[in-house]
Amino acid sequence: MPTAQRIVTLTLIVARLPLRHGIRHAAASYRYSDNIFVRCQLTDGSEGWGEGVPRKRLLGSSAEQLWQLFWSLPVGEWLPKPCGSWADVFSLCQNLKLLPTERTENQGFDHPLRCAVELAILDAFGRSWGQSVSQGLSAFTPAQSIIHPRSAAQYSATIMGAHPVTEAIRALFIRVWGFRHCKIKVGLLKDKARELRRLRRLRQWLGRRVDIRLDANGAWHADELPEFIEKLKPLGISCIEDPVPVEELPRLKDIRPRLAIPLMLDEPIVTKEDLHQAISSGYCDLINIRLSKCGGLLRSLEMAAYAHSNGIGFQLGCHPGESGILSAAGRHFATLVGQTRYVEGSYDRFLFRRLVTRENLTFGWGGWAPALKGPGLGVTVERSQLARWTIHQRTVAFF
């Protein structure tokens, strides 16, 4: 029987993580990532860590705004509650009040902060009780229909927009390294004929054994979609993510039944309410769940279960700039949920020269990576390394 513990301190950190290489796609580009980190300490001294990746373009919130938001909240009213079971911890996390009711921002405005706080809490209690987060989540009632633990997860590769020679090298590496899934970012080329030639080259370099899907980041328009997708059919594309901008989503209701390639939605799906709207309106065949975007592991699991029960497929996505803490959280999701169509993330060594975590969670040959068995999230934060990139840090204590 776990010993009841409560939170005694919570530390909020904003850090700017330099990326090894710049990241560019149709909607944005990054040279660094401003991330939110949270450290949670319990009465017995156990310490847990969480992370969120704010994206102003996606959720309307920046790291600086979430920093200011947190210190304006009465956190002492809801965090010091003692927890003696995973059910208590889940209840605490689900009742986090991180966005005042009078605020009018997007529903997902606080999601990166919520994700960081929740992961820190789950990690801390898991370490205190000597259990992994996966062990705890196995008892999360709303997700029971999709809980099918696996010993490993197979990650997908990604090809961003780059010079043709660079793309060829990356594609051949993906093929030789044994990957079975690859996402190709599209939409940077405004000329559809050039885009089609590019995709034909990439299919040739990747070979026919690799499952290819596209991510347009809303760069195309509904009027041009049917004709262009018809031309993509010979390439064996498995799905297209965010093909049109948000304002054109209603057009997909009539267009989607005529398309030969399934559609996936990512950026328009932030909450369970968004998912319900997309399903009832017939906008998509799959959704992309990202832990930080969707507000943490618990909400992401609920959305995955809801999608599955309604015949909608889902993938686990990631944000460019996630460090090892979110990689670990994603690994728990990927090895716990058996129905996940595609898995993205664990790019640690490909993104950063120096890691925030002691453990290197970068996937191995073929994209394979083992389940994490250690207590909590199963990773150790290198605090001295994180301190090098810290912009803000502050601790609140509960007595």
Protein backbone atom coordinates (compact mmCIF):
# COMPACT_ATOMS: atom_id res chain seq x y z
CA MET A 1 0.00 0.00 0.00
CA PRO A 2 1.59 3.34 -1.07
CA THR A 3 2.40 5.81 1.69
CA ALA A 4 0.40 9.03 1.44
CA GLN A 5 2.51 12.00 0.36
CA ARG A 6 1.83 15.61 -0.51
CA ILE A 7 3.63 18.24 -2.54
CA VAL A 8 5.87 20.53 -0.48
CA THR A 9 7.59 22.57 -3.20
CA LEU A 10 7.02 23.32 -6.84
CA THR A 11 9.71 24.98 -8.95
CA LEU A 12 8.91 26.57 -12.29
CA ILE A 13 11.75 27.03 -14.81
CA VAL A 14 11.85 28.65 -18.24
CA ALA A 15 14.84 27.52 -20.31
CA ARG A 16 15.99 28.31 -23.84
CA LEU A 17 17.34 25.12 -25.40
CA PRO A 18 19.64 25.61 -28.43
CA LEU A 19 18.91 23.20 -31.27
CA ARG A 20 21.69 21.35 -33.06
CA HIS A 21 20.23 22.37 -36.43
CA GLY A 22 17.50 24.81 -37.40
CA ILE A 23 14.06 23.31 -38.03
CA ARG A 24 11.89 24.66 -40.82
CA HIS A 25 8.48 23.69 -42.21
CA ALA A 26 5.59 25.39 -44.00
CA ALA A 27 4.23 27.10 -40.87
CA ALA A 28 7.31 28.01 -38.77
CA SER A 29 11.06 27.75 -38.24
CA TYR A 30 13.12 27.29 -35.04
CA ARG A 31 16.75 27.79 -33.97
CA TYR A 32 16.01 27.22 -30.29
CA SER A 33 13.11 26.14 -28.10
CA ASP A 34 11.80 28.03 -25.04
CA ASN A 35 10.49 25.26 -22.79
CA ILE A 36 8.70 25.18 -19.45
CA PHE A 37 10.16 22.82 -16.82
CA VAL A 38 8.60 21.98 -13.45
CA ARG A 39 10.27 20.28 -10.46
CA CYS A 40 7.94 18.78 -7.85
CA GLN A 41 9.14 17.69 -4.38
CA LEU A 42 7.10 15.55 -1.96
CA THR A 43 7.14 15.26 1.83
CA ASP A 44 9.51 12.26 1.72
CA GLY A 45 12.01 14.14 -0.48
CA SER A 46 11.06 12.41 -3.73
CA GLU A 47 11.50 14.68 -6.72
CA GLY A 48 9.74 14.64 -10.07
CA TRP A 49 10.20 16.59 -13.30
CA GLY A 50 7.85 17.71 -16.05
CA GLU A 51 8.13 19.65 -19.31
CA GLY A 52 5.93 21.59 -21.71
CA VAL A 53 6.70 23.21 -25.06
CA PRO A 54 4.73 26.45 -25.62
CA ARG A 55 4.10 27.48 -29.21
CA LYS A 56 2.55 30.92 -29.65
CA ARG A 57 1.37 30.11 -33.16
CA LEU A 58 -0.38 26.93 -32.07
CA LEU A 59 -1.94 27.68 -28.67
CA GLY A 60 -1.53 31.44 -28.32
CA SER A 61 0.83 31.14 -25.34
CA SER A 62 4.56 31.74 -24.98
CA ALA A 63 6.86 30.52 -22.22
CA GLU A 64 6.99 34.05 -20.82
CA GLN A 65 3.18 34.31 -20.71
CA LEU A 66 2.84 30.96 -18.95
CA TRP A 67 5.49 32.00 -16.43
CA GLN A 68 3.47 35.11 -15.60
CA LEU A 69 0.21 33.13 -15.57
CA PHE A 70 1.43 30.57 -13.05
CA TRP A 71 2.52 33.14 -10.48
CA SER A 72 -0.86 34.86 -10.73
CA LEU A 73 -2.72 31.72 -9.68
CA PRO A 74 -3.70 30.59 -6.14
CA VAL A 75 -1.72 27.34 -6.47
CA GLY A 76 -1.70 26.84 -2.71
CA GLU A 77 -5.43 26.11 -2.81
CA TRP A 78 -5.16 22.93 -4.86
CA LEU A 79 -1.62 21.52 -4.81
CA PRO A 80 -1.00 20.53 -1.12
CA LYS A 81 -3.72 17.82 -1.13
CA PRO A 82 -2.27 14.49 0.22
CA CYS A 83 -2.33 11.53 -2.19
CA GLY A 84 -2.23 7.91 -1.04
CA SER A 85 -3.02 6.19 -4.35
CA TRP A 86 -2.71 6.68 -8.09
CA ALA A 87 -6.43 7.48 -8.16
CA ASP A 88 -5.73 10.38 -5.79
CA VAL A 89 -2.88 11.58 -8.02
CA PHE A 90 -5.07 11.39 -11.14
CA SER A 91 -7.78 13.37 -9.36
CA LEU A 92 -5.27 16.02 -8.30
CA CYS A 93 -3.94 16.36 -11.85
CA GLN A 94 -7.36 16.45 -13.46
CA ASN A 95 -8.49 19.24 -11.13
CA LEU A 96 -5.53 21.55 -11.73
CA LYS A 97 -6.86 25.08 -12.14
CA LEU A 98 -4.30 26.76 -14.35
CA LEU A 99 -6.52 29.10 -16.36
CA PRO A 100 -8.81 31.56 -14.57
CA THR A 101 -12.42 31.35 -15.75
CA GLU A 102 -12.44 35.03 -16.73
CA ARG A 103 -9.65 34.49 -19.30
CA THR A 104 -10.82 34.40 -22.91
CA GLU A 105 -7.81 32.80 -24.62
CA ASN A 106 -7.90 29.55 -26.53
CA GLN A 107 -8.84 26.54 -24.44
CA GLY A 108 -5.32 25.22 -24.95
CA PHE A 109 -3.58 28.40 -23.76
CA ASP A 110 -2.40 26.73 -20.54
CA HIS A 111 -1.77 23.25 -21.95
CA PRO A 112 2.07 23.30 -22.02
CA LEU A 113 2.10 24.47 -18.38
CA ARG A 114 -0.54 21.91 -17.42
CA CYS A 115 1.51 19.18 -19.12
CA ALA A 116 4.69 20.18 -17.26
CA VAL A 117 2.98 20.31 -13.84
CA GLU A 118 1.16 17.02 -14.40
CA LEU A 119 4.28 15.15 -15.54
CA ALA A 120 6.25 16.45 -12.55
CA ILE A 121 3.52 15.22 -10.19
CA LEU A 122 3.26 11.79 -11.84
CA ASP A 123 7.05 11.44 -11.84
CA ALA A 124 7.38 12.44 -8.17
CA PHE A 125 4.71 10.07 -6.87
CA GLY A 126 5.99 7.24 -9.06
CA ARG A 127 9.48 7.68 -7.59
CA SER A 128 8.09 7.86 -4.06
CA TRP A 129 6.19 4.60 -4.52
CA GLY A 130 8.85 2.83 -6.59
CA GLN A 131 6.54 2.43 -9.58
CA SER A 132 6.84 3.58 -13.18
CA VAL A 133 4.37 6.05 -14.63
CA SER A 134 3.20 3.25 -16.95
CA GLN A 135 2.31 1.09 -13.95
CA GLY A 136 0.26 3.93 -12.54
CA LEU A 137 -1.45 4.76 -15.83
CA SER A 138 -2.44 1.13 -16.30
CA ALA A 139 -5.10 1.85 -13.67
CA PHE A 140 -6.35 5.05 -15.33
CA THR A 141 -10.01 4.16 -15.86
CA PRO A 142 -10.87 6.41 -18.86
CA ALA A 143 -8.14 4.74 -20.95
CA GLN A 144 -8.73 1.07 -20.14
CA SER A 145 -9.99 0.29 -23.65
CA ILE A 146 -6.62 1.20 -25.22
CA ILE A 147 -4.16 0.00 -22.55
CA HIS A 148 -2.10 -2.82 -24.09
CA PRO A 149 1.48 -2.61 -22.74
CA ARG A 150 4.35 -3.43 -25.09
CA SER A 151 8.05 -3.96 -24.46
CA ALA A 152 9.13 -1.45 -27.11
CA ALA A 153 7.88 1.24 -29.48
CA GLN A 154 8.88 1.88 -33.09
CA TYR A 155 9.40 5.55 -33.91
CA SER A 156 8.91 7.28 -37.22
CA ALA A 157 11.54 9.27 -39.11
CA THR A 158 10.94 12.78 -40.46
CA ILE A 159 12.19 14.64 -43.53
CA MET A 160 11.95 18.43 -43.35
CA GLY A 161 12.25 20.78 -46.29
CA ALA A 162 15.91 20.95 -47.37
CA HIS A 163 18.23 21.04 -50.37
CA PRO A 164 17.62 18.00 -52.66
CA VAL A 165 21.08 16.59 -51.92
CA THR A 166 20.48 16.87 -48.16
CA GLU A 167 17.07 15.25 -48.56
CA ALA A 168 18.58 12.41 -50.57
CA ILE A 169 21.16 11.72 -47.86
CA ARG A 170 18.48 11.74 -45.15
CA ALA A 171 16.19 9.48 -47.15
CA LEU A 172 18.94 6.95 -47.81
CA PHE A 173 19.92 7.02 -44.12
CA ILE A 174 16.28 6.32 -43.15
CA ARG A 175 16.16 3.42 -45.61
CA VAL A 176 19.48 1.88 -44.55
CA TRP A 177 18.72 2.39 -40.85
CA GLY A 178 15.63 0.20 -41.21
CA PHE A 179 12.84 2.68 -40.49
CA ARG A 180 9.35 1.56 -41.47
CA HIS A 181 7.57 4.92 -41.18
CA CYS A 182 8.53 8.38 -42.43
CA LYS A 183 6.76 11.74 -42.30
CA ILE A 184 7.64 14.21 -45.06
CA LYS A 185 7.01 17.90 -44.47
CA VAL A 186 5.43 19.47 -47.54
CA GLY A 187 3.97 22.86 -48.46
CA LEU A 188 7.16 24.94 -48.63
CA LEU A 189 7.13 24.56 -52.41
CA LYS A 190 4.21 26.57 -53.74
CA ASP A 191 4.53 24.92 -57.16
CA LYS A 192 2.59 21.64 -57.01
CA ALA A 193 4.48 20.20 -59.98
CA ARG A 194 7.80 20.72 -58.16
CA GLU A 195 6.32 19.25 -54.97
CA LEU A 196 5.20 16.18 -56.87
CA ARG A 197 8.65 15.70 -58.45
CA ARG A 198 10.21 16.04 -55.00
CA LEU A 199 7.92 13.39 -53.54
CA ARG A 200 8.60 11.02 -56.41
CA ARG A 201 12.34 11.35 -55.77
CA LEU A 202 11.87 10.75 -52.04
CA ARG A 203 9.73 7.66 -52.67
CA GLN A 204 12.47 6.30 -54.93
CA TRP A 205 15.18 6.97 -52.35
CA LEU A 206 13.14 5.61 -49.43
CA GLY A 207 11.97 2.51 -51.28
CA ARG A 208 8.55 0.90 -51.30
CA ARG A 209 8.85 -0.74 -47.87
CA VAL A 210 8.69 2.58 -46.01
CA ASP A 211 5.24 3.87 -45.04
CA ILE A 212 5.21 7.53 -46.17
CA ARG A 213 2.82 10.15 -44.82
CA LEU A 214 2.77 13.89 -45.51
CA ASP A 215 2.37 16.93 -43.26
CA ALA A 216 1.33 20.12 -45.06
CA ASN A 217 0.92 22.30 -41.93
CA GLY A 218 -2.17 23.86 -43.50
CA ALA A 219 -0.28 25.11 -46.56
CA TRP A 220 -2.69 23.82 -49.22
CA HIS A 221 -6.23 24.85 -50.09
CA ALA A 222 -9.40 22.79 -50.29
CA ASP A 223 -10.05 23.64 -53.95
CA GLU A 224 -6.77 22.12 -55.09
CA LEU A 225 -6.81 19.10 -52.77
CA PRO A 226 -8.79 16.49 -54.80
CA GLU A 227 -6.77 16.93 -57.99
CA PHE A 228 -3.41 16.94 -56.20
CA ILE A 229 -4.23 13.90 -54.08
CA GLU A 230 -5.21 12.01 -57.21
CA LYS A 231 -1.70 12.62 -58.54
CA LEU A 232 -0.22 11.39 -55.24
CA LYS A 233 -1.99 8.00 -55.41
CA PRO A 234 0.79 6.15 -57.30
CA LEU A 235 3.26 7.08 -54.54
CA GLY A 236 1.43 5.02 -51.90
CA ILE A 237 0.99 7.85 -49.40
CA SER A 238 -0.67 6.52 -46.23
CA CYS A 239 -2.18 9.82 -44.99
CA ILE A 240 -1.92 13.61 -45.17
CA GLU A 241 -1.75 15.70 -42.00
CA ASP A 242 -3.29 19.19 -41.76
CA PRO A 243 -3.75 19.60 -45.53
CA VAL A 244 -5.69 22.89 -45.30
CA PRO A 245 -5.72 25.93 -42.97
CA VAL A 246 -8.11 25.92 -40.01
CA GLU A 247 -10.56 28.29 -41.68
CA GLU A 248 -11.07 25.79 -44.51
CA LEU A 249 -11.79 22.78 -42.28
CA PRO A 250 -15.57 22.86 -42.98
CA ARG A 251 -14.77 22.20 -46.65
CA LEU A 252 -13.31 18.81 -45.71
CA LYS A 253 -16.76 17.49 -44.76
CA ASP A 254 -17.74 17.31 -48.44
CA ILE A 255 -14.29 16.71 -49.93
CA ARG A 256 -12.95 13.93 -47.67
CA PRO A 257 -15.28 11.11 -48.89
CA ARG A 258 -13.94 11.67 -52.43
CA LEU A 259 -10.27 11.52 -51.48
CA ALA A 260 -8.15 8.44 -52.05
CA ILE A 261 -5.80 9.20 -49.13
CA PRO A 262 -6.89 9.44 -45.45
CA LEU A 263 -6.63 12.81 -43.69
CA MET A 264 -5.11 13.48 -40.27
CA LEU A 265 -5.72 16.58 -38.15
CA ASP A 266 -3.17 17.95 -35.69
CA GLU A 267 -3.28 21.68 -34.99
CA PRO A 268 -7.11 21.97 -34.93
CA ILE A 269 -7.34 19.16 -32.33
CA VAL A 270 -6.33 20.62 -28.97
CA THR A 271 -9.16 19.47 -26.66
CA LYS A 272 -11.62 16.60 -26.48
CA GLU A 273 -14.29 19.05 -27.61
CA ASP A 274 -12.27 19.76 -30.77
CA LEU A 275 -12.04 16.03 -31.38
CA HIS A 276 -15.79 15.57 -30.93
CA GLN A 277 -16.44 18.39 -33.43
CA ALA A 278 -14.04 16.90 -35.98
CA ILE A 279 -15.59 13.43 -35.69
CA SER A 280 -19.21 14.63 -35.84
CA SER A 281 -18.42 16.87 -38.82
CA GLY A 282 -16.48 14.19 -40.71
CA TYR A 283 -13.29 16.22 -41.04
CA CYS A 284 -10.69 13.48 -40.61
CA ASP A 285 -9.72 9.81 -40.44
CA LEU A 286 -6.92 10.21 -37.89
CA ILE A 287 -5.70 12.72 -35.30
CA ASN A 288 -2.25 13.68 -34.04
CA ILE A 289 -1.99 13.73 -30.24
CA ARG A 290 0.90 15.72 -28.76
CA LEU A 291 1.29 15.64 -24.98
CA SER A 292 2.18 19.31 -24.53
CA LYS A 293 -0.46 20.49 -27.02
CA CYS A 294 -3.20 18.38 -25.43
CA GLY A 295 -2.40 19.23 -21.79
CA GLY A 296 -0.53 16.18 -20.51
CA LEU A 297 -0.64 12.40 -20.41
CA LEU A 298 -4.08 12.03 -18.82
CA ARG A 299 -5.92 14.25 -21.29
CA SER A 300 -4.00 12.70 -24.18
CA LEU A 301 -5.01 9.20 -23.08
CA GLU A 302 -8.63 10.29 -22.77
CA MET A 303 -8.54 11.71 -26.30
CA ALA A 304 -6.92 8.56 -27.68
CA ALA A 305 -9.59 6.39 -26.05
CA TYR A 306 -12.37 8.63 -27.38
CA ALA A 307 -10.92 8.57 -30.90
CA HIS A 308 -10.55 4.78 -30.81
CA SER A 309 -14.13 4.27 -29.63
CA ASN A 310 -15.34 6.37 -32.56
CA GLY A 311 -13.32 4.58 -35.22
CA ILE A 312 -10.70 7.34 -35.60
CA GLY A 313 -7.03 6.43 -35.74
CA PHE A 314 -4.37 8.38 -33.87
CA GLN A 315 -0.64 8.94 -33.75
CA LEU A 316 1.58 10.23 -30.97
CA GLY A 317 3.29 13.35 -32.24
CA CYS A 318 5.89 15.67 -30.75
CA HIS A 319 6.96 19.30 -30.81
CA PRO A 320 10.31 20.31 -32.30
CA GLY A 321 12.47 21.03 -29.25
CA GLU A 322 11.19 18.43 -26.78
CA SER A 323 13.91 17.33 -24.37
CA GLY A 324 14.34 13.96 -22.66
CA ILE A 325 11.56 14.56 -20.12
CA LEU A 326 8.86 14.77 -22.78
CA SER A 327 10.63 11.99 -24.70
CA ALA A 328 10.25 9.80 -21.62
CA ALA A 329 6.57 10.73 -21.20
CA GLY A 330 5.97 9.95 -24.87
CA ARG A 331 7.73 6.60 -24.47
CA HIS A 332 5.32 5.66 -21.68
CA PHE A 333 2.36 6.57 -23.90
CA ALA A 334 3.78 4.72 -26.91
CA THR A 335 4.53 1.48 -25.05
CA LEU A 336 1.29 1.57 -23.04
CA VAL A 337 -1.20 2.26 -25.85
CA GLY A 338 -1.33 -0.55 -28.38
CA GLN A 339 -3.47 1.17 -31.02
CA THR A 340 -1.08 4.06 -31.74
CA ARG A 341 -0.74 4.21 -35.55
CA TYR A 342 2.51 6.19 -35.69
CA VAL A 343 4.94 7.34 -33.01
CA GLU A 344 7.06 10.50 -33.20
CA GLY A 345 9.62 11.83 -30.75
CA SER A 346 12.79 10.66 -28.93
CA TYR A 347 14.91 12.75 -31.32
CA ASP A 348 17.16 13.76 -28.41
CA ARG A 349 20.64 13.38 -29.95
CA PHE A 350 19.39 14.58 -33.32
CA LEU A 351 18.09 17.81 -31.73
CA PHE A 352 20.60 18.66 -28.99
CA ARG A 353 24.37 18.50 -28.60
CA ARG A 354 23.94 18.30 -24.83
CA LEU A 355 20.99 16.55 -23.20
CA VAL A 356 18.84 17.70 -20.31
CA THR A 357 18.58 14.10 -19.07
CA ARG A 358 21.36 11.77 -18.04
CA GLU A 359 19.77 9.04 -20.13
CA ASN A 360 19.94 9.18 -23.92
CA LEU A 361 16.43 8.32 -25.12
CA THR A 362 17.23 8.58 -28.83
CA PHE A 363 15.66 5.67 -30.72
CA GLY A 364 17.89 3.01 -32.19
CA TRP A 365 18.00 0.92 -35.35
CA GLY A 366 14.71 0.87 -37.21
CA GLY A 367 13.31 3.50 -34.86
CA TRP A 368 12.96 0.95 -32.05
CA ALA A 369 13.24 1.98 -28.41
CA PRO A 370 12.50 -0.02 -25.22
CA ALA A 371 9.85 0.68 -22.61
CA LEU A 372 11.08 2.59 -19.55
CA LYS A 373 10.94 0.48 -16.40
CA GLY A 374 12.46 2.78 -13.76
CA PRO A 375 10.38 4.59 -11.12
CA GLY A 376 8.42 7.64 -12.26
CA LEU A 377 9.23 8.68 -15.81
CA GLY A 378 12.46 6.70 -15.59
CA VAL A 379 14.91 9.50 -16.41
CA THR A 380 17.27 11.68 -14.37
CA VAL A 381 17.51 15.41 -15.04
CA GLU A 382 20.99 16.93 -15.28
CA ARG A 383 20.24 20.04 -13.23
CA SER A 384 23.61 21.67 -13.90
CA GLN A 385 23.08 21.32 -17.64
CA LEU A 386 19.56 22.72 -17.46
CA ALA A 387 20.86 25.64 -15.36
CA ARG A 388 23.09 26.73 -18.28
CA TRP A 389 20.01 27.46 -20.36
CA THR A 390 17.67 28.73 -17.63
CA ILE A 391 16.07 32.14 -18.14
CA HIS A 392 13.69 32.18 -15.15
CA GLN A 393 13.47 30.02 -12.03
CA ARG A 394 11.30 30.37 -8.94
CA THR A 395 10.05 28.03 -6.19
CA VAL A 396 6.84 28.06 -4.21
CA ALA A 397 6.65 26.13 -0.91
CA PHE A 398 3.52 24.66 0.71
CA PHE A 399 3.38 24.23 4.49
